[in-house]
Amino acid sequence: MYLDKKEKEKIFKKHGKNAKDTGSTEGQIALFTQRINHLTKHLKNNQKDYNTERSLVKLVGRRRALLDYLTKKDIMRYRAIVKELGLRK
């Protein structure tokens, strides 16, 4: 896979509580965002890769669900992660 263990630890360390906190909502959203960006770049070069397109749509839905959850739980954490990752909504 394009992300090795050290890169994932960096993502979770930056957005989670620590490098081993892989279950935090912010860490999961950051990881999904990284994967979404990677798949988007791939699809720009490979327009007919429908399996990747489907995976991308599912991943965006999973990230949206986590963002909705975070909105209901703690709006300040939601605003912080959206601003930090540069998401539109």
N, C-alpha and C. Protein backbone atom coordinates (compact mmCIF):
# COMPACT_ATOMS: atom_id res chain seq x y z
N MET A 1 0.85 -1.18 0.00
CA MET A 1 0.00 0.00 0.00
C MET A 1 0.89 1.24 0.00
N TYR A 2 0.36 2.34 -0.39
CA TYR A 2 1.11 3.58 -0.54
C TYR A 2 1.47 4.20 0.81
N LEU A 3 0.76 3.87 1.87
CA LEU A 3 1.08 4.39 3.21
C LEU A 3 1.75 3.28 4.02
N ASP A 4 2.96 3.54 4.49
CA ASP A 4 3.58 2.57 5.37
C ASP A 4 3.27 2.91 6.82
N LYS A 5 3.77 2.09 7.71
CA LYS A 5 3.43 2.20 9.12
C LYS A 5 3.86 3.55 9.71
N LYS A 6 5.04 4.03 9.31
CA LYS A 6 5.55 5.28 9.87
C LYS A 6 4.72 6.48 9.42
N GLU A 7 4.26 6.47 8.17
CA GLU A 7 3.43 7.57 7.68
C GLU A 7 2.08 7.60 8.40
N LYS A 8 1.52 6.42 8.63
CA LYS A 8 0.26 6.36 9.37
C LYS A 8 0.45 6.86 10.80
N GLU A 9 1.57 6.50 11.43
CA GLU A 9 1.83 6.97 12.79
C GLU A 9 1.95 8.49 12.82
N LYS A 10 2.55 9.08 11.78
CA LYS A 10 2.64 10.54 11.71
C LYS A 10 1.26 11.17 11.66
N ILE A 11 0.39 10.58 10.83
CA ILE A 11 -0.97 11.11 10.70
C ILE A 11 -1.70 11.03 12.04
N PHE A 12 -1.62 9.87 12.70
CA PHE A 12 -2.32 9.70 13.97
C PHE A 12 -1.69 10.53 15.07
N LYS A 13 -0.38 10.73 15.03
CA LYS A 13 0.28 11.56 16.03
C LYS A 13 -0.15 13.02 15.89
N LYS A 14 -0.28 13.47 14.63
CA LYS A 14 -0.65 14.86 14.39
C LYS A 14 -2.11 15.13 14.71
N HIS A 15 -2.99 14.20 14.37
CA HIS A 15 -4.43 14.45 14.50
C HIS A 15 -5.08 13.71 15.67
N GLY A 16 -4.43 12.67 16.18
CA GLY A 16 -4.99 11.94 17.31
C GLY A 16 -4.37 12.39 18.61
N LYS A 17 -4.58 11.60 19.63
CA LYS A 17 -4.00 11.92 20.93
C LYS A 17 -2.52 11.56 20.97
N ASN A 18 -2.17 10.42 20.34
CA ASN A 18 -0.78 10.00 20.21
C ASN A 18 -0.64 9.13 18.97
N ALA A 19 0.56 8.61 18.70
CA ALA A 19 0.80 7.84 17.48
C ALA A 19 0.07 6.50 17.49
N LYS A 20 -0.23 5.97 18.66
CA LYS A 20 -0.88 4.66 18.76
C LYS A 20 -2.40 4.77 18.84
N ASP A 21 -2.93 5.98 18.90
CA ASP A 21 -4.37 6.19 19.03
C ASP A 21 -5.01 6.16 17.64
N THR A 22 -5.23 4.96 17.12
CA THR A 22 -5.77 4.82 15.77
C THR A 22 -7.29 4.87 15.73
N GLY A 23 -7.93 4.88 16.87
CA GLY A 23 -9.38 4.84 16.89
C GLY A 23 -10.05 6.19 17.08
N SER A 24 -9.28 7.24 17.28
CA SER A 24 -9.90 8.54 17.49
C SER A 24 -10.59 9.01 16.22
N THR A 25 -11.65 9.72 16.37
CA THR A 25 -12.42 10.19 15.23
C THR A 25 -11.58 11.10 14.35
N GLU A 26 -10.84 12.01 14.95
CA GLU A 26 -10.02 12.93 14.17
C GLU A 26 -8.94 12.19 13.39
N GLY A 27 -8.33 11.18 14.01
CA GLY A 27 -7.31 10.39 13.33
C GLY A 27 -7.87 9.63 12.15
N GLN A 28 -9.06 9.05 12.32
CA GLN A 28 -9.70 8.32 11.23
C GLN A 28 -10.07 9.26 10.08
N ILE A 29 -10.58 10.43 10.40
CA ILE A 29 -10.94 11.40 9.37
C ILE A 29 -9.69 11.83 8.61
N ALA A 30 -8.60 12.06 9.32
CA ALA A 30 -7.36 12.46 8.66
C ALA A 30 -6.83 11.36 7.75
N LEU A 31 -6.90 10.11 8.21
CA LEU A 31 -6.45 8.99 7.38
C LEU A 31 -7.33 8.84 6.14
N PHE A 32 -8.64 8.94 6.32
CA PHE A 32 -9.54 8.86 5.17
C PHE A 32 -9.27 9.98 4.18
N THR A 33 -8.99 11.18 4.68
CA THR A 33 -8.70 12.31 3.81
C THR A 33 -7.44 12.04 3.00
N GLN A 34 -6.43 11.48 3.63
CA GLN A 34 -5.19 11.14 2.93
C GLN A 34 -5.47 10.12 1.82
N ARG A 35 -6.26 9.10 2.14
CA ARG A 35 -6.58 8.08 1.15
C ARG A 35 -7.44 8.65 0.02
N ILE A 36 -8.39 9.52 0.36
CA ILE A 36 -9.25 10.15 -0.65
C ILE A 36 -8.40 10.99 -1.61
N ASN A 37 -7.46 11.75 -1.08
CA ASN A 37 -6.60 12.56 -1.93
C ASN A 37 -5.77 11.69 -2.87
N HIS A 38 -5.27 10.57 -2.35
CA HIS A 38 -4.48 9.65 -3.17
C HIS A 38 -5.33 9.04 -4.29
N LEU A 39 -6.52 8.59 -3.96
CA LEU A 39 -7.40 7.99 -4.96
C LEU A 39 -7.86 9.01 -6.00
N THR A 40 -8.06 10.24 -5.59
CA THR A 40 -8.46 11.29 -6.52
C THR A 40 -7.37 11.54 -7.55
N LYS A 41 -6.11 11.58 -7.09
CA LYS A 41 -4.99 11.74 -8.03
C LYS A 41 -4.92 10.55 -8.99
N HIS A 42 -5.15 9.35 -8.48
CA HIS A 42 -5.12 8.16 -9.32
C HIS A 42 -6.21 8.22 -10.39
N LEU A 43 -7.39 8.67 -10.00
CA LEU A 43 -8.51 8.70 -10.95
C LEU A 43 -8.36 9.79 -12.01
N LYS A 44 -7.56 10.81 -11.74
CA LYS A 44 -7.31 11.81 -12.77
C LYS A 44 -6.53 11.23 -13.94
N ASN A 45 -5.66 10.26 -13.64
CA ASN A 45 -4.88 9.61 -14.69
C ASN A 45 -5.58 8.39 -15.28
N ASN A 46 -6.49 7.79 -14.53
CA ASN A 46 -7.16 6.55 -14.94
C ASN A 46 -8.67 6.73 -14.83
N GLN A 47 -9.25 7.42 -15.79
CA GLN A 47 -10.67 7.77 -15.71
C GLN A 47 -11.59 6.54 -15.75
N LYS A 48 -11.16 5.46 -16.37
CA LYS A 48 -12.04 4.30 -16.52
C LYS A 48 -11.87 3.26 -15.43
N ASP A 49 -11.18 3.59 -14.38
CA ASP A 49 -10.98 2.67 -13.26
C ASP A 49 -12.20 2.76 -12.34
N TYR A 50 -13.23 2.01 -12.68
CA TYR A 50 -14.50 2.13 -11.98
C TYR A 50 -14.47 1.52 -10.59
N ASN A 51 -13.62 0.51 -10.38
CA ASN A 51 -13.52 -0.08 -9.04
C ASN A 51 -12.94 0.94 -8.05
N THR A 52 -11.93 1.67 -8.48
CA THR A 52 -11.35 2.70 -7.62
C THR A 52 -12.35 3.83 -7.40
N GLU A 53 -13.11 4.15 -8.42
CA GLU A 53 -14.12 5.20 -8.28
C GLU A 53 -15.17 4.81 -7.24
N ARG A 54 -15.59 3.56 -7.26
CA ARG A 54 -16.56 3.08 -6.29
C ARG A 54 -15.97 3.11 -4.88
N SER A 55 -14.70 2.69 -4.76
CA SER A 55 -14.03 2.73 -3.46
C SER A 55 -13.93 4.15 -2.93
N LEU A 56 -13.66 5.09 -3.83
CA LEU A 56 -13.57 6.49 -3.45
C LEU A 56 -14.90 7.01 -2.92
N VAL A 57 -15.98 6.67 -3.59
CA VAL A 57 -17.31 7.12 -3.16
C VAL A 57 -17.65 6.54 -1.79
N LYS A 58 -17.33 5.26 -1.57
CA LYS A 58 -17.59 4.65 -0.28
C LYS A 58 -16.76 5.29 0.83
N LEU A 59 -15.52 5.61 0.51
CA LEU A 59 -14.63 6.23 1.49
C LEU A 59 -15.10 7.63 1.85
N VAL A 60 -15.57 8.38 0.87
CA VAL A 60 -16.11 9.71 1.14
C VAL A 60 -17.34 9.61 2.04
N GLY A 61 -18.17 8.60 1.81
CA GLY A 61 -19.34 8.39 2.66
C GLY A 61 -18.98 8.05 4.09
N ARG A 62 -17.94 7.23 4.26
CA ARG A 62 -17.49 6.88 5.60
C ARG A 62 -16.93 8.10 6.32
N ARG A 63 -16.17 8.93 5.60
CA ARG A 63 -15.64 10.15 6.21
C ARG A 63 -16.77 11.09 6.58
N ARG A 64 -17.77 11.21 5.70
CA ARG A 64 -18.91 12.08 5.97
C ARG A 64 -19.65 11.62 7.22
N ALA A 65 -19.80 10.30 7.38
CA ALA A 65 -20.47 9.77 8.57
C ALA A 65 -19.69 10.10 9.84
N LEU A 66 -18.37 10.00 9.79
CA LEU A 66 -17.57 10.36 10.95
C LEU A 66 -17.65 11.86 11.25
N LEU A 67 -17.68 12.67 10.20
CA LEU A 67 -17.81 14.11 10.41
C LEU A 67 -19.17 14.45 11.01
N ASP A 68 -20.22 13.77 10.56
CA ASP A 68 -21.55 13.99 11.14
C ASP A 68 -21.58 13.59 12.60
N TYR A 69 -20.95 12.47 12.92
CA TYR A 69 -20.86 12.01 14.31
C TYR A 69 -20.15 13.05 15.16
N LEU A 70 -19.04 13.55 14.65
CA LEU A 70 -18.26 14.53 15.40
C LEU A 70 -19.05 15.83 15.58
N THR A 71 -19.87 16.19 14.60
CA THR A 71 -20.70 17.38 14.71
C THR A 71 -21.68 17.24 15.89
N LYS A 72 -22.26 16.05 16.01
CA LYS A 72 -23.22 15.83 17.09
C LYS A 72 -22.55 15.76 18.46
N LYS A 73 -21.34 15.19 18.51
CA LYS A 73 -20.66 15.01 19.79
C LYS A 73 -20.00 16.30 20.29
N ASP A 74 -19.21 16.95 19.42
CA ASP A 74 -18.45 18.11 19.86
C ASP A 74 -18.18 19.01 18.65
N ILE A 75 -18.94 20.07 18.54
CA ILE A 75 -18.86 20.95 17.37
C ILE A 75 -17.51 21.65 17.27
N MET A 76 -16.86 21.91 18.39
CA MET A 76 -15.56 22.59 18.35
C MET A 76 -14.48 21.68 17.75
N ARG A 77 -14.50 20.40 18.10
CA ARG A 77 -13.55 19.45 17.51
C ARG A 77 -13.81 19.31 16.01
N TYR A 78 -15.10 19.31 15.63
CA TYR A 78 -15.46 19.23 14.21
C TYR A 78 -14.90 20.43 13.44
N ARG A 79 -15.11 21.62 13.97
CA ARG A 79 -14.62 22.83 13.29
C ARG A 79 -13.10 22.84 13.19
N ALA A 80 -12.44 22.35 14.24
CA ALA A 80 -10.97 22.32 14.24
C ALA A 80 -10.44 21.36 13.18
N ILE A 81 -11.02 20.17 13.08
CA ILE A 81 -10.51 19.19 12.11
C ILE A 81 -10.82 19.62 10.68
N VAL A 82 -11.98 20.23 10.46
CA VAL A 82 -12.32 20.71 9.11
C VAL A 82 -11.37 21.81 8.68
N LYS A 83 -11.06 22.71 9.60
CA LYS A 83 -10.14 23.80 9.29
C LYS A 83 -8.72 23.27 9.06
N GLU A 84 -8.30 22.33 9.89
CA GLU A 84 -6.95 21.79 9.81
C GLU A 84 -6.73 21.01 8.51
N LEU A 85 -7.73 20.25 8.09
CA LEU A 85 -7.59 19.44 6.88
C LEU A 85 -8.00 20.18 5.62
N GLY A 86 -8.63 21.33 5.78
CA GLY A 86 -9.04 22.11 4.63
C GLY A 86 -10.22 21.51 3.88
N LEU A 87 -11.15 20.92 4.63
CA LEU A 87 -12.34 20.35 4.01
C LEU A 87 -13.35 21.45 3.75
N ARG A 88 -14.21 21.23 2.78
CA ARG A 88 -15.12 22.30 2.36
C ARG A 88 -16.25 22.53 3.34
N LYS A 89 -16.85 21.47 3.86
CA LYS A 89 -18.05 21.65 4.67
C LYS A 89 -17.77 21.70 6.12
